[in-house]
C-alpha atoms as a PDB file:
ATOM      1  CA  MET A   1     -10.697 131.735-118.073  1.00  0.00           C
ATOM      2  CA  THR A   2      -8.280 134.372-116.404  1.00  0.00           C
ATOM      3  CA  ALA A   3      -6.348 137.052-119.031  1.00  0.00           C
ATOM      4  CA  LYS A   4      -3.821 139.708-119.070  1.00  0.00           C
ATOM      5  CA  PRO A   5      -5.574 142.559-118.373  1.00  0.00           C
ATOM      6  CA  SER A   6      -7.434 144.724-121.055  1.00  0.00           C
ATOM      7  CA  ILE A   7      -8.785 148.450-121.794  1.00  0.00           C
ATOM      8  CA  LEU A   8     -11.805 147.351-124.170  1.00  0.00           C
ATOM      9  CA  GLN A   9     -14.115 145.843-122.987  1.00  0.00           C
ATOM     10  CA  GLU A  10     -17.518 146.936-124.507  1.00  0.00           C
ATOM     11  CA  LEU A  11     -17.883 146.997-128.486  1.00  0.00           C
ATOM     12  CA  PRO A  12     -16.349 149.989-129.882  1.00  0.00           C
ATOM     13  CA  THR A  13     -18.569 152.713-130.708  1.00  0.00           C
ATOM     14  CA  ASP A  14     -17.283 152.576-134.218  1.00  0.00           C
ATOM     15  CA  LEU A  15     -18.128 149.002-134.845  1.00  0.00           C
ATOM     16  CA  HIS A  16     -21.489 148.307-135.903  1.00  0.00           C
ATOM     17  CA  ARG A  17     -23.335 144.812-133.982  1.00  0.00           C
ATOM     18  CA  ASP A  18     -25.169 143.941-137.131  1.00  0.00           C
ATOM     19  CA  ARG A  19     -22.030 143.933-139.718  1.00  0.00           C
ATOM     20  CA  LEU A  20     -19.612 141.409-136.915  1.00  0.00           C
ATOM     21  CA  PRO A  21     -18.281 138.657-138.176  1.00  0.00           C
ATOM     22  CA  LYS A  22     -20.046 136.041-137.156  1.00  0.00           C
ATOM     23  CA  HIS A  23     -17.351 133.513-136.463  1.00  0.00           C
ATOM     24  CA  VAL A  24     -13.480 134.671-136.660  1.00  0.00           C
ATOM     25  CA  ALA A  25     -10.670 132.322-137.274  1.00  0.00           C
ATOM     26  CA  VAL A  26      -7.019 132.597-136.064  1.00  0.00           C
ATOM     27  CA  ILE A  27      -3.661 131.736-137.186  1.00  0.00           C
ATOM     28  CA  MET A  28      -1.966 132.788-134.291  1.00  0.00           C
ATOM     29  CA  ASP A  29       1.891 132.890-135.657  1.00  0.00           C
ATOM     30  CA  GLY A  30       4.812 134.390-134.036  1.00  0.00           C
ATOM     31  CA  ASN A  31       5.283 132.900-130.470  1.00  0.00           C
ATOM     32  CA  GLY A  32       8.763 132.202-131.285  1.00  0.00           C
ATOM     33  CA  ARG A  33       9.760 135.026-132.848  1.00  0.00           C
ATOM     34  CA  TRP A  34       8.426 136.693-130.220  1.00  0.00           C
ATOM     35  CA  ALA A  35      10.449 134.809-127.627  1.00  0.00           C
ATOM     36  CA  LYS A  36      13.757 135.263-129.200  1.00  0.00           C
ATOM     37  CA  ARG A  37      13.182 139.241-128.902  1.00  0.00           C
ATOM     38  CA  GLN A  38      12.514 139.427-125.610  1.00  0.00           C
ATOM     39  CA  GLY A  39      15.511 137.075-125.283  1.00  0.00           C
ATOM     40  CA  LEU A  40      13.708 134.091-123.763  1.00  0.00           C
ATOM     41  CA  PRO A  41      12.839 130.678-124.780  1.00  0.00           C
ATOM     42  CA  ARG A  42      10.717 129.322-127.396  1.00  0.00           C
ATOM     43  CA  ILE A  43       8.255 128.153-125.204  1.00  0.00           C
ATOM     44  CA  MET A  44       7.941 131.239-123.157  1.00  0.00           C
ATOM     45  CA  GLY A  45       6.322 132.352-126.607  1.00  0.00           C
ATOM     46  CA  HIS A  46       3.365 129.538-126.498  1.00  0.00           C
ATOM     47  CA  ARG A  47       2.686 130.126-122.812  1.00  0.00           C
ATOM     48  CA  ARG A  48       2.094 134.015-123.522  1.00  0.00           C
ATOM     49  CA  GLY A  49       0.252 133.109-126.389  1.00  0.00           C
ATOM     50  CA  VAL A  50      -1.708 130.796-124.372  1.00  0.00           C
ATOM     51  CA  ASP A  51      -2.980 134.179-122.686  1.00  0.00           C
ATOM     52  CA  THR A  52      -3.728 135.720-125.791  1.00  0.00           C
ATOM     53  CA  LEU A  53      -5.744 133.218-126.866  1.00  0.00           C
ATOM     54  CA  LYS A  54      -7.755 133.488-123.990  1.00  0.00           C
ATOM     55  CA  ASP A  55      -8.027 137.513-124.212  1.00  0.00           C
ATOM     56  CA  LEU A  56      -9.588 137.261-127.648  1.00  0.00           C
ATOM     57  CA  LEU A  57     -12.033 134.534-126.856  1.00  0.00           C
ATOM     58  CA  ARG A  58     -13.443 136.480-124.005  1.00  0.00           C
ATOM     59  CA  CYS A  59     -13.687 139.344-126.418  1.00  0.00           C
ATOM     60  CA  CYS A  60     -15.363 137.848-128.682  1.00  0.00           C
ATOM     61  CA  ARG A  61     -17.868 136.338-126.292  1.00  0.00           C
ATOM     62  CA  ASP A  62     -18.087 140.013-124.893  1.00  0.00           C
ATOM     63  CA  TRP A  63     -18.543 141.556-128.129  1.00  0.00           C
ATOM     64  CA  GLY A  64     -21.244 139.067-129.565  1.00  0.00           C
ATOM     65  CA  VAL A  65     -18.866 137.106-132.105  1.00  0.00           C
ATOM     66  CA  GLN A  66     -20.578 133.559-132.481  1.00  0.00           C
ATOM     67  CA  ALA A  67     -17.716 131.504-132.833  1.00  0.00           C
ATOM     68  CA  LEU A  68     -13.591 131.491-132.614  1.00  0.00           C
ATOM     69  CA  THR A  69     -11.369 129.124-133.901  1.00  0.00           C
ATOM     70  CA  ALA A  70      -7.958 129.012-133.448  1.00  0.00           C
ATOM     71  CA  TYR A  71      -4.841 126.649-135.286  1.00  0.00           C
ATOM     72  CA  ALA A  72      -3.029 125.657-132.348  1.00  0.00           C
ATOM     73  CA  PHE A  73      -1.143 122.559-133.641  1.00  0.00           C
ATOM     74  CA  SER A  74      -0.723 121.571-137.305  1.00  0.00           C
ATOM     75  CA  THR A  75       0.144 118.006-138.777  1.00  0.00           C
ATOM     76  CA  GLU A  76       3.462 119.879-140.051  1.00  0.00           C
ATOM     77  CA  ASN A  77       4.021 120.656-136.110  1.00  0.00           C
ATOM     78  CA  TRP A  78       5.164 117.700-135.691  1.00  0.00           C
ATOM     79  CA  GLY A  79       8.104 118.426-137.392  1.00  0.00           C
ATOM     80  CA  ARG A  80       9.446 120.563-134.823  1.00  0.00           C
ATOM     81  CA  PRO A  81      12.131 119.520-131.953  1.00  0.00           C
ATOM     82  CA  LEU A  82      10.315 117.050-129.632  1.00  0.00           C
ATOM     83  CA  GLU A  83      11.079 119.144-126.614  1.00  0.00           C
ATOM     84  CA  GLU A  84       8.659 121.634-128.322  1.00  0.00           C
ATOM     85  CA  VAL A  85       6.379 119.046-129.353  1.00  0.00           C
ATOM     86  CA  ASP A  86       6.415 117.401-125.715  1.00  0.00           C
ATOM     87  CA  PHE A  87       5.440 121.073-124.583  1.00  0.00           C
ATOM     88  CA  LEU A  88       2.917 121.814-126.358  1.00  0.00           C
ATOM     89  CA  MET A  89       1.099 118.804-125.715  1.00  0.00           C
ATOM     90  CA  THR A  90       1.262 118.975-122.082  1.00  0.00           C
ATOM     91  CA  LEU A  91       0.537 122.959-122.008  1.00  0.00           C
ATOM     92  CA  PHE A  92      -2.800 121.792-123.982  1.00  0.00           C
ATOM     93  CA  GLU A  93      -3.392 119.553-121.133  1.00  0.00           C
ATOM     94  CA  ARG A  94      -2.658 121.651-118.856  1.00  0.00           C
ATOM     95  CA  VAL A  95      -4.459 124.866-120.125  1.00  0.00           C
ATOM     96  CA  LEU A  96      -7.364 122.493-120.302  1.00  0.00           C
ATOM     97  CA  ARG A  97      -7.550 121.180-117.130  1.00  0.00           C
ATOM     98  CA  GLN A  98      -7.303 124.524-115.533  1.00  0.00           C
ATOM     99  CA  GLU A  99      -9.863 126.258-117.461  1.00  0.00           C
ATOM    100  CA  LEU A 100     -12.626 123.971-118.400  1.00  0.00           C
ATOM    101  CA  ARG A 101     -14.522 124.950-115.352  1.00  0.00           C
ATOM    102  CA  GLU A 102     -14.433 128.771-116.049  1.00  0.00           C
ATOM    103  CA  MET A 103     -15.074 128.050-119.556  1.00  0.00           C
ATOM    104  CA  LYS A 104     -18.231 125.913-118.387  1.00  0.00           C
ATOM    105  CA  GLU A 105     -19.312 129.324-116.348  1.00  0.00           C
ATOM    106  CA  GLU A 106     -19.015 131.409-119.186  1.00  0.00           C
ATOM    107  CA  ASN A 107     -21.305 129.844-121.494  1.00  0.00           C
ATOM    108  CA  VAL A 108     -18.390 128.250-123.824  1.00  0.00           C
ATOM    109  CA  ARG A 109     -19.158 126.103-126.019  1.00  0.00           C
ATOM    110  CA  ILE A 110     -15.665 124.039-127.059  1.00  0.00           C
ATOM    111  CA  ARG A 111     -14.641 121.801-129.768  1.00  0.00           C
ATOM    112  CA  PHE A 112     -11.218 120.049-131.184  1.00  0.00           C
ATOM    113  CA  VAL A 113     -11.012 119.551-134.674  1.00  0.00           C
ATOM    114  CA  GLY A 114      -8.278 117.641-136.157  1.00  0.00           C
ATOM    115  CA  ASN A 115      -7.073 113.892-136.116  1.00  0.00           C
ATOM    116  CA  LEU A 116      -7.053 113.849-132.330  1.00  0.00           C
ATOM    117  CA  ASP A 117      -6.708 109.825-132.388  1.00  0.00           C
ATOM    118  CA  ALA A 118      -2.918 110.604-132.994  1.00  0.00           C
ATOM    119  CA  LEU A 119      -2.211 112.938-130.099  1.00  0.00           C
ATOM    120  CA  PRO A 120      -1.473 111.482-126.478  1.00  0.00           C
ATOM    121  CA  THR A 121      -3.871 109.329-124.585  1.00  0.00           C
ATOM    122  CA  SER A 122      -3.931 111.831-121.321  1.00  0.00           C
ATOM    123  CA  LEU A 123      -4.506 114.860-123.483  1.00  0.00           C
ATOM    124  CA  GLN A 124      -7.550 113.135-125.883  1.00  0.00           C
ATOM    125  CA  ALA A 125      -9.036 112.555-122.481  1.00  0.00           C
ATOM    126  CA  GLU A 126      -9.025 115.956-121.517  1.00  0.00           C
ATOM    127  CA  ILE A 127     -10.292 116.648-125.003  1.00  0.00           C
ATOM    128  CA  GLU A 128     -13.074 114.524-124.858  1.00  0.00           C
ATOM    129  CA  ARG A 129     -13.759 115.932-121.014  1.00  0.00           C
ATOM    130  CA  SER A 130     -14.335 119.626-122.201  1.00  0.00           C
ATOM    131  CA  MET A 131     -16.149 118.683-125.380  1.00  0.00           C
ATOM    132  CA  LEU A 132     -18.735 116.424-123.569  1.00  0.00           C
ATOM    133  CA  GLU A 133     -19.126 118.915-120.635  1.00  0.00           C
ATOM    134  CA  THR A 134     -19.800 121.744-122.649  1.00  0.00           C
ATOM    135  CA  LYS A 135     -21.570 120.093-125.416  1.00  0.00           C
ATOM    136  CA  ASP A 136     -24.627 122.205-124.631  1.00  0.00           C
ATOM    137  CA  ASN A 137     -23.450 125.304-123.795  1.00  0.00           C
ATOM    138  CA  GLN A 138     -25.517 128.151-126.159  1.00  0.00           C
ATOM    139  CA  GLY A 139     -22.952 131.247-126.034  1.00  0.00           C
ATOM    140  CA  ILE A 140     -19.666 131.243-128.494  1.00  0.00           C
ATOM    141  CA  THR A 141     -18.450 128.161-129.982  1.00  0.00           C
ATOM    142  CA  PHE A 142     -14.692 128.181-129.647  1.00  0.00           C
ATOM    143  CA  SER A 143     -13.090 125.315-131.858  1.00  0.00           C
ATOM    144  CA  VAL A 144      -9.513 124.192-131.456  1.00  0.00           C
ATOM    145  CA  ALA A 145      -7.649 122.762-134.708  1.00  0.00           C
ATOM    146  CA  THR A 146      -4.913 120.821-132.971  1.00  0.00           C
ATOM    147  CA  ASN A 147      -2.810 117.959-135.588  1.00  0.00           C
ATOM    148  CA  TYR A 148      -5.217 119.613-138.015  1.00  0.00           C
ATOM    149  CA  GLY A 149      -4.402 120.039-141.855  1.00  0.00           C
ATOM    150  CA  GLY A 150      -6.916 121.110-144.047  1.00  0.00           C
ATOM    151  CA  ARG A 151      -5.525 118.963-147.321  1.00  0.00           C
ATOM    152  CA  GLN A 152      -5.669 116.310-145.408  1.00  0.00           C
ATOM    153  CA  GLU A 153      -8.806 116.600-143.774  1.00  0.00           C
ATOM    154  CA  ILE A 154     -10.575 117.119-147.474  1.00  0.00           C
ATOM    155  CA  VAL A 155      -8.804 113.664-148.183  1.00  0.00           C
ATOM    156  CA  ARG A 156     -10.919 112.418-144.974  1.00  0.00           C
ATOM    157  CA  ALA A 157     -13.742 113.411-146.430  1.00  0.00           C
ATOM    158  CA  CYS A 158     -13.357 112.019-149.852  1.00  0.00           C
ATOM    159  CA  ARG A 159     -12.477 108.648-148.054  1.00  0.00           C
ATOM    160  CA  ALA A 160     -15.598 108.611-146.519  1.00  0.00           C
ATOM    161  CA  ILE A 161     -18.125 109.917-149.066  1.00  0.00           C
ATOM    162  CA  ALA A 162     -16.109 107.362-151.849  1.00  0.00           C
ATOM    163  CA  SER A 163     -17.055 104.139-148.993  1.00  0.00           C
ATOM    164  CA  GLN A 164     -20.328 105.359-148.885  1.00  0.00           C
ATOM    165  CA  VAL A 165     -20.898 104.978-152.486  1.00  0.00           C
ATOM    166  CA  GLN A 166     -18.792 101.770-153.003  1.00  0.00           C
ATOM    167  CA  GLN A 167     -21.195 100.151-150.547  1.00  0.00           C
ATOM    168  CA  GLY A 168     -24.036 101.339-152.632  1.00  0.00           C
ATOM    169  CA  LEU A 169     -25.363 103.995-149.793  1.00  0.00           C
ATOM    170  CA  LEU A 170     -25.335 107.194-152.118  1.00  0.00           C
ATOM    171  CA  HIS A 171     -25.366 107.930-155.644  1.00  0.00           C
ATOM    172  CA  PRO A 172     -22.458 109.979-156.988  1.00  0.00           C
ATOM    173  CA  ASP A 173     -25.200 112.835-158.611  1.00  0.00           C
ATOM    174  CA  ASN A 174     -26.065 113.214-154.742  1.00  0.00           C
ATOM    175  CA  ILE A 175     -22.649 114.410-153.767  1.00  0.00           C
ATOM    176  CA  ASP A 176     -22.888 118.334-153.428  1.00  0.00           C
ATOM    177  CA  GLU A 177     -21.157 121.011-151.072  1.00  0.00           C
ATOM    178  CA  SER A 178     -23.892 120.403-148.292  1.00  0.00           C
ATOM    179  CA  LEU A 179     -23.120 116.580-148.412  1.00  0.00           C
ATOM    180  CA  PHE A 180     -19.088 116.973-148.240  1.00  0.00           C
ATOM    181  CA  GLU A 181     -19.077 119.718-145.757  1.00  0.00           C
ATOM    182  CA  ARG A 182     -21.041 116.934-143.289  1.00  0.00           C
ATOM    183  CA  HIS A 183     -18.118 115.057-143.639  1.00  0.00           C
ATOM    184  CA  LEU A 184     -15.577 117.923-142.659  1.00  0.00           C
ATOM    185  CA  HIS A 185     -14.103 118.278-138.934  1.00  0.00           C
ATOM    186  CA  THR A 186     -16.298 121.771-138.523  1.00  0.00           C
ATOM    187  CA  ALA A 187     -19.389 119.993-139.712  1.00  0.00           C
ATOM    188  CA  GLY A 188     -22.029 122.341-137.658  1.00  0.00           C
ATOM    189  CA  VAL A 189     -20.063 125.509-137.221  1.00  0.00           C
ATOM    190  CA  CYS A 190     -20.362 127.989-139.740  1.00  0.00           C
ATOM    191  CA  ASP A 191     -17.817 128.775-142.339  1.00  0.00           C
ATOM    192  CA  PRO A 192     -15.293 131.693-140.811  1.00  0.00           C
ATOM    193  CA  ASP A 193     -16.462 135.223-142.445  1.00  0.00           C
ATOM    194  CA  LEU A 194     -12.972 136.689-141.217  1.00  0.00           C
ATOM    195  CA  LEU A 195      -9.765 134.918-140.855  1.00  0.00           C
ATOM    196  CA  ILE A 196      -6.561 136.679-139.161  1.00  0.00           C
ATOM    197  CA  ARG A 197      -2.855 135.937-139.464  1.00  0.00           C
ATOM    198  CA  THR A 198      -0.093 137.629-137.123  1.00  0.00           C
ATOM    199  CA  SER A 199       3.163 137.966-137.777  1.00  0.00           C
ATOM    200  CA  GLY A 200       3.084 139.069-141.347  1.00  0.00           C
ATOM    201  CA  GLU A 201       3.592 135.961-143.437  1.00  0.00           C
ATOM    202  CA  MET A 202       0.913 136.062-146.334  1.00  0.00           C
ATOM    203  CA  ARG A 203      -0.211 132.079-146.599  1.00  0.00           C
ATOM    204  CA  LEU A 204      -2.947 129.970-144.904  1.00  0.00           C
ATOM    205  CA  SER A 205      -0.235 127.522-144.285  1.00  0.00           C
ATOM    206  CA  ASN A 206      -2.995 124.769-145.079  1.00  0.00           C
ATOM    207  CA  PHE A 207      -5.639 126.005-142.354  1.00  0.00           C
ATOM    208  CA  LEU A 208      -9.386 126.100-143.237  1.00  0.00           C
ATOM    209  CA  LEU A 209      -9.020 125.525-147.001  1.00  0.00           C
ATOM    210  CA  TRP A 210     -12.532 124.839-147.534  1.00  0.00           C
ATOM    211  CA  GLN A 211     -14.328 126.703-145.119  1.00  0.00           C
ATOM    212  CA  ALA A 212     -12.170 130.216-145.677  1.00  0.00           C
ATOM    213  CA  ALA A 213     -13.433 129.785-149.613  1.00  0.00           C
ATOM    214  CA  TYR A 214     -14.623 133.303-149.247  1.00  0.00           C
ATOM    215  CA  ALA A 215     -13.285 134.714-145.782  1.00  0.00           C
ATOM    216  CA  GLU A 216     -12.237 138.316-145.496  1.00  0.00           C
ATOM    217  CA  LEU A 217      -8.065 137.512-145.036  1.00  0.00           C
ATOM    218  CA  TYR A 218      -6.570 140.043-142.630  1.00  0.00           C
ATOM    219  CA  VAL A 219      -2.787 140.017-142.050  1.00  0.00           C
ATOM    220  CA  THR A 220      -1.029 141.901-139.168  1.00  0.00           C
ATOM    221  CA  ASP A 221       2.619 142.129-138.394  1.00  0.00           C
ATOM    222  CA  THR A 222       1.908 141.759-134.686  1.00  0.00           C
ATOM    223  CA  LEU A 223       3.186 138.833-133.591  1.00  0.00           C
ATOM    224  CA  TRP A 224       0.901 136.661-131.604  1.00  0.00           C
ATOM    225  CA  PRO A 225       1.775 137.212-128.323  1.00  0.00           C
ATOM    226  CA  ASP A 226       1.554 140.606-128.101  1.00  0.00           C
ATOM    227  CA  PHE A 227      -1.921 140.739-130.382  1.00  0.00           C
ATOM    228  CA  ASP A 228      -4.466 142.597-127.844  1.00  0.00           C
ATOM    229  CA  ARG A 229      -8.306 143.859-128.558  1.00  0.00           C
ATOM    230  CA  HIS A 230      -7.252 147.120-129.592  1.00  0.00           C
ATOM    231  CA  GLU A 231      -5.767 144.664-132.577  1.00  0.00           C
ATOM    232  CA  PHE A 232      -8.651 142.916-132.837  1.00  0.00           C
ATOM    233  CA  HIS A 233     -10.533 146.027-132.753  1.00  0.00           C
ATOM    234  CA  GLN A 234      -8.208 146.942-135.890  1.00  0.00           C
ATOM    235  CA  ALA A 235      -8.855 143.676-137.898  1.00  0.00           C
ATOM    236  CA  LEU A 236     -12.969 143.900-137.380  1.00  0.00           C
ATOM    237  CA  ALA A 237     -12.785 147.429-138.351  1.00  0.00           C
ATOM    238  CA  SER A 238     -10.843 146.541-141.367  1.00  0.00           C
ATOM    239  CA  TYR A 239     -13.463 143.791-142.338  1.00  0.00           C
ATOM    240  CA  GLN A 240     -16.661 145.769-142.152  1.00  0.00           C
ATOM    241  CA  ALA A 241     -14.997 148.825-144.179  1.00  0.00           C
ATOM    242  CA  ARG A 242     -15.015 145.854-147.350  1.00  0.00           C
ATOM    243  CA  GLU A 243     -17.821 144.396-149.440  1.00  0.00           C
ATOM    244  CA  ARG A 244     -18.612 140.899-149.254  1.00  0.00           C
ATOM    245  CA  ARG A 245     -19.490 140.234-152.912  1.00  0.00           C
ATOM    246  CA  PHE A 246     -18.892 136.277-152.770  1.00  0.00           C
ATOM    247  CA  GLY A 247     -18.385 136.310-157.017  1.00  0.00           C
ATOM    248  CA  LYS A 248     -21.197 138.310-157.520  1.00  0.00           C
ATOM    249  CA  VAL A 249     -21.068 142.234-158.737  1.00  0.00           C
ATOM    250  CA  GLY A 250     -20.722 144.965-155.957  1.00  0.00           C
ATOM    251  CA  ASN A 251     -22.489 147.621-155.107  1.00  0.00           C
ATOM    252  CA  VAL A 252     -20.425 149.871-157.519  1.00  0.00           C
END
């Protein structure tokens, strides 16, 4: 899990450990624009973005965040140029193969969420291996949303529940939020407390539409390859300065 060096290693003194988000989700936007500003091909932005993600994962582990979910490839991303899509699939596979041993040693539990059946067969094999070999790890849970779409996930859950009702295995009156969540790709992982989006875009882009219902949103103009521990520090400081009310009356 080797990544670019960072100055901050311990939790900054202005942050309160007992008020850290348990689960952070990130929309990693801006790789292509970063590469263009550097006069580089778009794929170089994706390569640099992998280093940024590895450092954020380690930072979350070092500082006490229990779960990190990264939006790596959306269902809509198939519409990008074929060369870029092929590069991303190859990149995902190579990174998994290279980093698995170290992530196992660092007690990372790897999960992939999304429609994985549509991915290249060789990538599916690496994904299955990484999840199997880290399933018992008790450290940070690292979820990678790949070929993921929030609307598609909700429709998939509805179909599964409807099938149970049709078969007489479930009464409609027994359908509640808890049951619905068990049919989502993210079942077993708590909802994100903080959702970060880089590059300044003010939208969710079909990411964790159900799960992010009460997530605190943090948007930065920083492009993803430049998002470092100092930027993450600012995001956490903003999070801790807020009052989470979950639709109730605050302490005003």
